[in-house]
Amino acid sequence: MNKREQLRNVISQKRFVKVIAGIDNFDAEKVRNVVLAAEKGGASAVDVSASEDIIRMTKETTTLPVFVSSIIPEELAMAAEFGADALEIGNFDALYKNGLRITTEEVLEITQKTMRLAGNDIFLSVTVPGHLEINDQIKLAQKLEEMGVDLIQAEGAATVETQADGARGLIQKAHVSIANTVELVRNINIPVMTASGITSTTAPMAFAAGASAIGIGSCVNKCSSAIEMTAVVMSVVSAVTNNSSVNEKTFA
């Protein structure tokens, strides 16, 4: 079983937690802290920026599968050469902050070129832009499935400003990406990963919505210490594991 098949198998178990360091995070020390927190916290994979140095450091730091994110096909092809276990076209949140809005046509073009340059042997995940109308998200996801993409990542429309603190605020922040997940899962046959606003509070909701995986980033990256980062990852993994155990008992 090659790496692509191994990832497909693990994701099919529906308790996959990917920790995202950030598509625009090129600070080696910060990325290393996130990667270590992911490994110590029991996460399933890490996601880092498309930098040769960052990829090498990450591969040396952890045995977890390494996703590399970019919207530039040449960078993704380079990442495959330097040992990335999976390629991610997406994690657009950082780009949205700069006013970027990526279109359906651009996503398809980037995907086609990436597959041509990197080959078909590496696991490929593509984010469906959350700012698209849901019908357009579904159509794009279906086209990506036809192209042979392994995983669709659902996201929120953009950074959501919450009106409440605590658990209610977390739910408000994640509800868009979870709602998008519901619709995508209904209309495609490949797995869906939910990202944007996912925490230990909202992770079980994502899986209840049909997600096979979740991506967490901001709740880890905003931590002020490595210990706090690890604790956050552990809390999310625990929430996912406990939720899976409850479901198994319920349907046994």
Protein backbone atom coordinates (compact mmCIF):
# COMPACT_ATOMS: atom_id res chain seq x y z
CA MET A 1 0.00 0.00 0.00
CA ASN A 2 1.55 3.33 -1.09
CA LYS A 3 1.28 6.62 0.82
CA ARG A 4 -1.71 7.79 -1.19
CA GLU A 5 -3.65 4.62 -0.40
CA GLN A 6 -2.58 4.77 3.25
CA LEU A 7 -3.96 8.30 3.61
CA ARG A 8 -7.20 7.33 1.92
CA ASN A 9 -7.54 4.42 4.33
CA VAL A 10 -6.87 6.51 7.45
CA ILE A 11 -9.25 9.26 6.36
CA SER A 12 -12.01 6.72 5.69
CA GLN A 13 -12.05 5.98 9.45
CA LYS A 14 -13.53 9.47 9.99
CA ARG A 15 -11.37 10.68 12.87
CA PHE A 16 -8.61 12.41 10.90
CA VAL A 17 -7.24 15.64 12.43
CA LYS A 18 -4.90 17.81 10.36
CA VAL A 19 -3.04 20.67 12.06
CA ILE A 20 -2.42 23.61 9.73
CA ALA A 21 0.66 25.78 10.28
CA GLY A 22 -0.40 28.22 7.56
CA ILE A 23 0.04 28.67 3.83
CA ASP A 24 1.92 31.93 4.51
CA ASN A 25 3.86 30.79 7.59
CA PHE A 26 7.53 30.63 6.65
CA ASP A 27 8.88 31.13 10.18
CA ALA A 28 10.74 27.86 10.76
CA GLU A 29 10.61 28.05 14.56
CA LYS A 30 6.89 28.78 14.66
CA VAL A 31 6.16 26.01 12.18
CA ARG A 32 8.32 23.60 14.16
CA ASN A 33 6.34 24.39 17.33
CA VAL A 34 3.07 23.70 15.52
CA VAL A 35 4.43 20.45 14.09
CA LEU A 36 5.65 19.26 17.50
CA ALA A 37 2.30 20.16 19.05
CA ALA A 38 0.54 18.15 16.36
CA GLU A 39 2.68 15.09 17.01
CA LYS A 40 2.57 15.31 20.81
CA GLY A 41 -1.15 16.07 20.75
CA GLY A 42 -2.01 12.99 18.73
CA ALA A 43 -3.00 14.62 15.43
CA SER A 44 -3.18 12.66 12.19
CA ALA A 45 -1.19 15.01 9.92
CA VAL A 46 0.35 18.46 9.57
CA ASP A 47 -0.02 21.05 6.82
CA VAL A 48 2.81 23.49 6.05
CA SER A 49 3.77 26.12 3.50
CA ALA A 50 5.49 25.33 0.21
CA SER A 51 9.06 26.09 1.20
CA GLU A 52 11.91 23.65 0.66
CA ASP A 53 13.41 24.52 4.04
CA ILE A 54 10.06 24.23 5.85
CA ILE A 55 9.31 20.88 4.23
CA ARG A 56 12.74 19.47 5.09
CA MET A 57 12.48 20.68 8.68
CA THR A 58 8.98 19.24 9.05
CA LYS A 59 10.01 15.84 7.67
CA GLU A 60 12.94 15.79 10.11
CA THR A 61 10.73 16.79 13.05
CA THR A 62 7.77 14.44 12.71
CA THR A 63 6.71 11.06 11.36
CA LEU A 64 3.20 12.36 10.70
CA PRO A 65 2.04 12.69 7.08
CA VAL A 66 2.99 16.11 5.72
CA PHE A 67 0.54 18.11 3.60
CA VAL A 68 1.97 21.10 1.73
CA SER A 69 -0.31 24.00 0.77
CA SER A 70 -0.01 26.42 -2.12
CA ILE A 71 -1.97 27.79 -5.06
CA ILE A 72 1.09 27.68 -7.33
CA PRO A 73 1.44 24.37 -9.23
CA GLU A 74 5.22 24.68 -9.56
CA GLU A 75 5.57 25.02 -5.79
CA LEU A 76 3.39 21.97 -5.23
CA ALA A 77 5.42 19.94 -7.72
CA MET A 78 8.57 21.01 -5.85
CA ALA A 79 6.94 19.93 -2.59
CA ALA A 80 6.28 16.48 -4.01
CA GLU A 81 9.95 16.19 -4.98
CA PHE A 82 11.08 17.14 -1.48
CA GLY A 83 8.99 14.54 0.28
CA ALA A 84 5.49 15.92 0.80
CA ASP A 85 3.04 13.11 1.49
CA ALA A 86 0.08 15.11 0.21
CA LEU A 87 -0.55 18.32 -1.71
CA GLU A 88 -3.20 20.85 -0.73
CA ILE A 89 -4.52 23.42 -3.16
CA GLY A 90 -6.06 25.78 -0.66
CA ASN A 91 -6.13 26.90 2.95
CA PHE A 92 -7.14 30.24 1.48
CA ASP A 93 -7.89 32.10 4.74
CA ALA A 94 -4.51 33.84 4.77
CA LEU A 95 -5.04 34.92 1.17
CA TYR A 96 -8.52 36.29 1.87
CA LYS A 97 -6.99 38.66 4.42
CA ASN A 98 -5.20 40.33 1.51
CA GLY A 99 -8.42 40.72 -0.46
CA LEU A 100 -7.89 37.73 -2.76
CA ARG A 101 -10.92 35.84 -4.07
CA ILE A 102 -10.16 32.72 -6.06
CA THR A 103 -12.60 31.62 -8.78
CA THR A 104 -13.90 28.22 -9.88
CA GLU A 105 -11.95 28.49 -13.12
CA GLU A 106 -8.74 29.29 -11.27
CA VAL A 107 -9.16 26.32 -8.92
CA LEU A 108 -9.70 23.96 -11.87
CA GLU A 109 -6.73 25.40 -13.78
CA ILE A 110 -4.43 25.14 -10.75
CA THR A 111 -5.58 21.57 -10.11
CA GLN A 112 -5.06 20.47 -13.71
CA LYS A 113 -1.57 21.96 -13.87
CA THR A 114 -0.61 20.54 -10.47
CA MET A 115 -1.69 17.05 -11.49
CA ARG A 116 0.28 17.38 -14.71
CA LEU A 117 3.46 18.56 -12.96
CA ALA A 118 3.33 16.45 -9.79
CA GLY A 119 1.87 13.29 -11.31
CA ASN A 120 -0.99 11.09 -10.18
CA ASP A 121 0.80 9.10 -7.48
CA ILE A 122 0.59 11.70 -4.71
CA PHE A 123 -2.48 12.38 -2.55
CA LEU A 124 -4.22 15.59 -3.63
CA SER A 125 -6.63 17.70 -1.57
CA VAL A 126 -8.38 20.77 -2.97
CA THR A 127 -10.21 23.47 -1.03
CA VAL A 128 -13.53 24.59 -2.47
CA PRO A 129 -13.70 28.37 -1.89
CA GLY A 130 -16.29 29.15 0.76
CA HIS A 131 -17.22 32.51 -0.78
CA LEU A 132 -18.82 30.74 -3.77
CA GLU A 133 -22.57 30.13 -3.80
CA ILE A 134 -23.28 26.64 -2.50
CA ASN A 135 -24.51 25.37 -5.88
CA ASP A 136 -21.25 26.52 -7.43
CA GLN A 137 -19.30 24.83 -4.63
CA ILE A 138 -21.10 21.57 -5.36
CA LYS A 139 -20.45 21.79 -9.11
CA LEU A 140 -16.77 22.52 -8.51
CA ALA A 141 -16.42 19.64 -6.06
CA GLN A 142 -18.06 17.28 -8.56
CA LYS A 143 -15.64 18.37 -11.29
CA LEU A 144 -12.69 17.89 -8.95
CA GLU A 145 -13.95 14.41 -8.08
CA GLU A 146 -14.15 13.56 -11.79
CA MET A 147 -10.54 14.73 -12.20
CA GLY A 148 -9.35 12.26 -9.56
CA VAL A 149 -8.86 14.51 -6.53
CA ASP A 150 -8.66 12.49 -3.29
CA LEU A 151 -10.14 14.93 -0.77
CA ILE A 152 -12.27 18.08 -0.79
CA GLN A 153 -11.69 20.67 1.92
CA ALA A 154 -14.71 22.78 2.88
CA GLU A 155 -14.25 26.21 4.41
CA GLY A 156 -16.22 29.20 5.64
CA ALA A 157 -16.91 32.19 3.41
CA ALA A 158 -14.13 34.21 5.08
CA THR A 159 -13.08 35.18 8.58
CA VAL A 160 -16.35 35.23 10.52
CA GLU A 161 -16.81 37.91 13.16
CA THR A 162 -18.59 36.29 16.10
CA GLN A 163 -21.09 38.11 18.27
CA ALA A 164 -20.60 36.00 21.38
CA ASP A 165 -17.83 34.69 23.59
CA GLY A 166 -17.03 31.12 24.60
CA ALA A 167 -18.70 28.09 23.06
CA ARG A 168 -21.42 30.09 21.31
CA GLY A 169 -18.84 32.24 19.57
CA LEU A 170 -16.93 29.18 18.39
CA ILE A 171 -20.11 27.69 16.96
CA GLN A 172 -20.88 30.93 15.10
CA LYS A 173 -17.41 30.95 13.57
CA ALA A 174 -17.61 27.36 12.34
CA HIS A 175 -21.23 27.15 11.23
CA VAL A 176 -20.58 28.27 7.64
CA SER A 177 -17.90 25.65 6.97
CA ILE A 178 -20.02 22.96 8.63
CA ALA A 179 -23.08 23.96 6.57
CA ASN A 180 -20.96 23.77 3.41
CA THR A 181 -19.74 20.34 4.50
CA VAL A 182 -23.31 19.04 4.76
CA GLU A 183 -24.09 20.04 1.17
CA LEU A 184 -20.81 18.77 -0.27
CA VAL A 185 -21.07 15.40 1.47
CA ARG A 186 -24.56 14.94 0.01
CA ASN A 187 -23.36 15.51 -3.53
CA ILE A 188 -19.94 13.85 -3.91
CA ASN A 189 -18.51 10.44 -3.13
CA ILE A 190 -14.99 11.38 -2.06
CA PRO A 191 -14.21 12.43 1.54
CA VAL A 192 -14.71 15.97 2.80
CA MET A 193 -12.50 17.75 5.33
CA THR A 194 -14.00 20.65 7.31
CA ALA A 195 -11.78 23.63 8.09
CA SER A 196 -12.33 27.25 9.27
CA GLY A 197 -13.20 27.83 12.90
CA ILE A 198 -12.87 24.21 13.97
CA THR A 199 -12.02 23.64 17.65
CA SER A 200 -12.70 21.00 20.29
CA THR A 201 -16.19 22.49 20.63
CA THR A 202 -17.10 22.37 16.95
CA ALA A 203 -15.10 19.33 15.77
CA PRO A 204 -17.83 16.81 16.73
CA MET A 205 -20.34 18.91 14.77
CA ALA A 206 -18.18 18.68 11.66
CA PHE A 207 -18.09 14.90 11.86
CA ALA A 208 -21.82 14.81 12.58
CA ALA A 209 -22.26 16.83 9.38
CA GLY A 210 -20.55 14.03 7.46
CA ALA A 211 -16.93 15.14 7.40
CA SER A 212 -14.27 12.45 7.21
CA ALA A 213 -11.60 14.82 8.51
CA ILE A 214 -11.07 18.23 10.08
CA GLY A 215 -8.39 20.87 9.71
CA ILE A 216 -7.45 23.10 12.64
CA GLY A 217 -5.18 26.11 12.40
CA SER A 218 -6.10 29.37 14.07
CA CYS A 219 -6.93 27.79 17.44
CA VAL A 220 -3.39 26.37 17.54
CA ASN A 221 -1.44 29.19 15.93
CA LYS A 222 -2.85 31.84 18.26
CA CYS A 223 -1.45 30.05 21.32
CA SER A 224 1.38 31.80 23.15
CA SER A 225 3.41 28.71 24.08
CA ALA A 226 4.29 25.25 22.80
CA ILE A 227 2.62 23.67 25.84
CA GLU A 228 -0.61 25.53 25.12
CA MET A 229 -0.46 24.46 21.46
CA THR A 230 -0.11 20.82 22.45
CA ALA A 231 -2.98 21.10 24.92
CA VAL A 232 -5.26 22.55 22.24
CA VAL A 233 -4.42 19.76 19.79
CA MET A 234 -4.97 17.15 22.48
CA SER A 235 -8.38 18.63 23.32
CA VAL A 236 -9.50 18.48 19.68
CA VAL A 237 -8.20 14.94 19.19
CA SER A 238 -9.91 13.87 22.42
CA ALA A 239 -13.20 15.41 21.30
CA VAL A 240 -12.97 13.56 17.98
CA THR A 241 -12.02 10.25 19.61
CA ASN A 242 -14.78 10.49 22.20
CA ASN A 243 -17.31 11.41 19.53
CA SER A 244 -16.27 8.39 17.44
CA SER A 245 -16.58 6.10 20.45
CA VAL A 246 -20.09 7.37 21.18
CA ASN A 247 -21.15 6.84 17.57
CA GLU A 248 -19.71 3.31 17.52
CA LYS A 249 -21.62 2.42 20.70
CA THR A 250 -24.80 4.04 19.38
CA PHE A 251 -24.81 2.11 16.13
CA ALA A 252 -23.32 -1.15 17.42
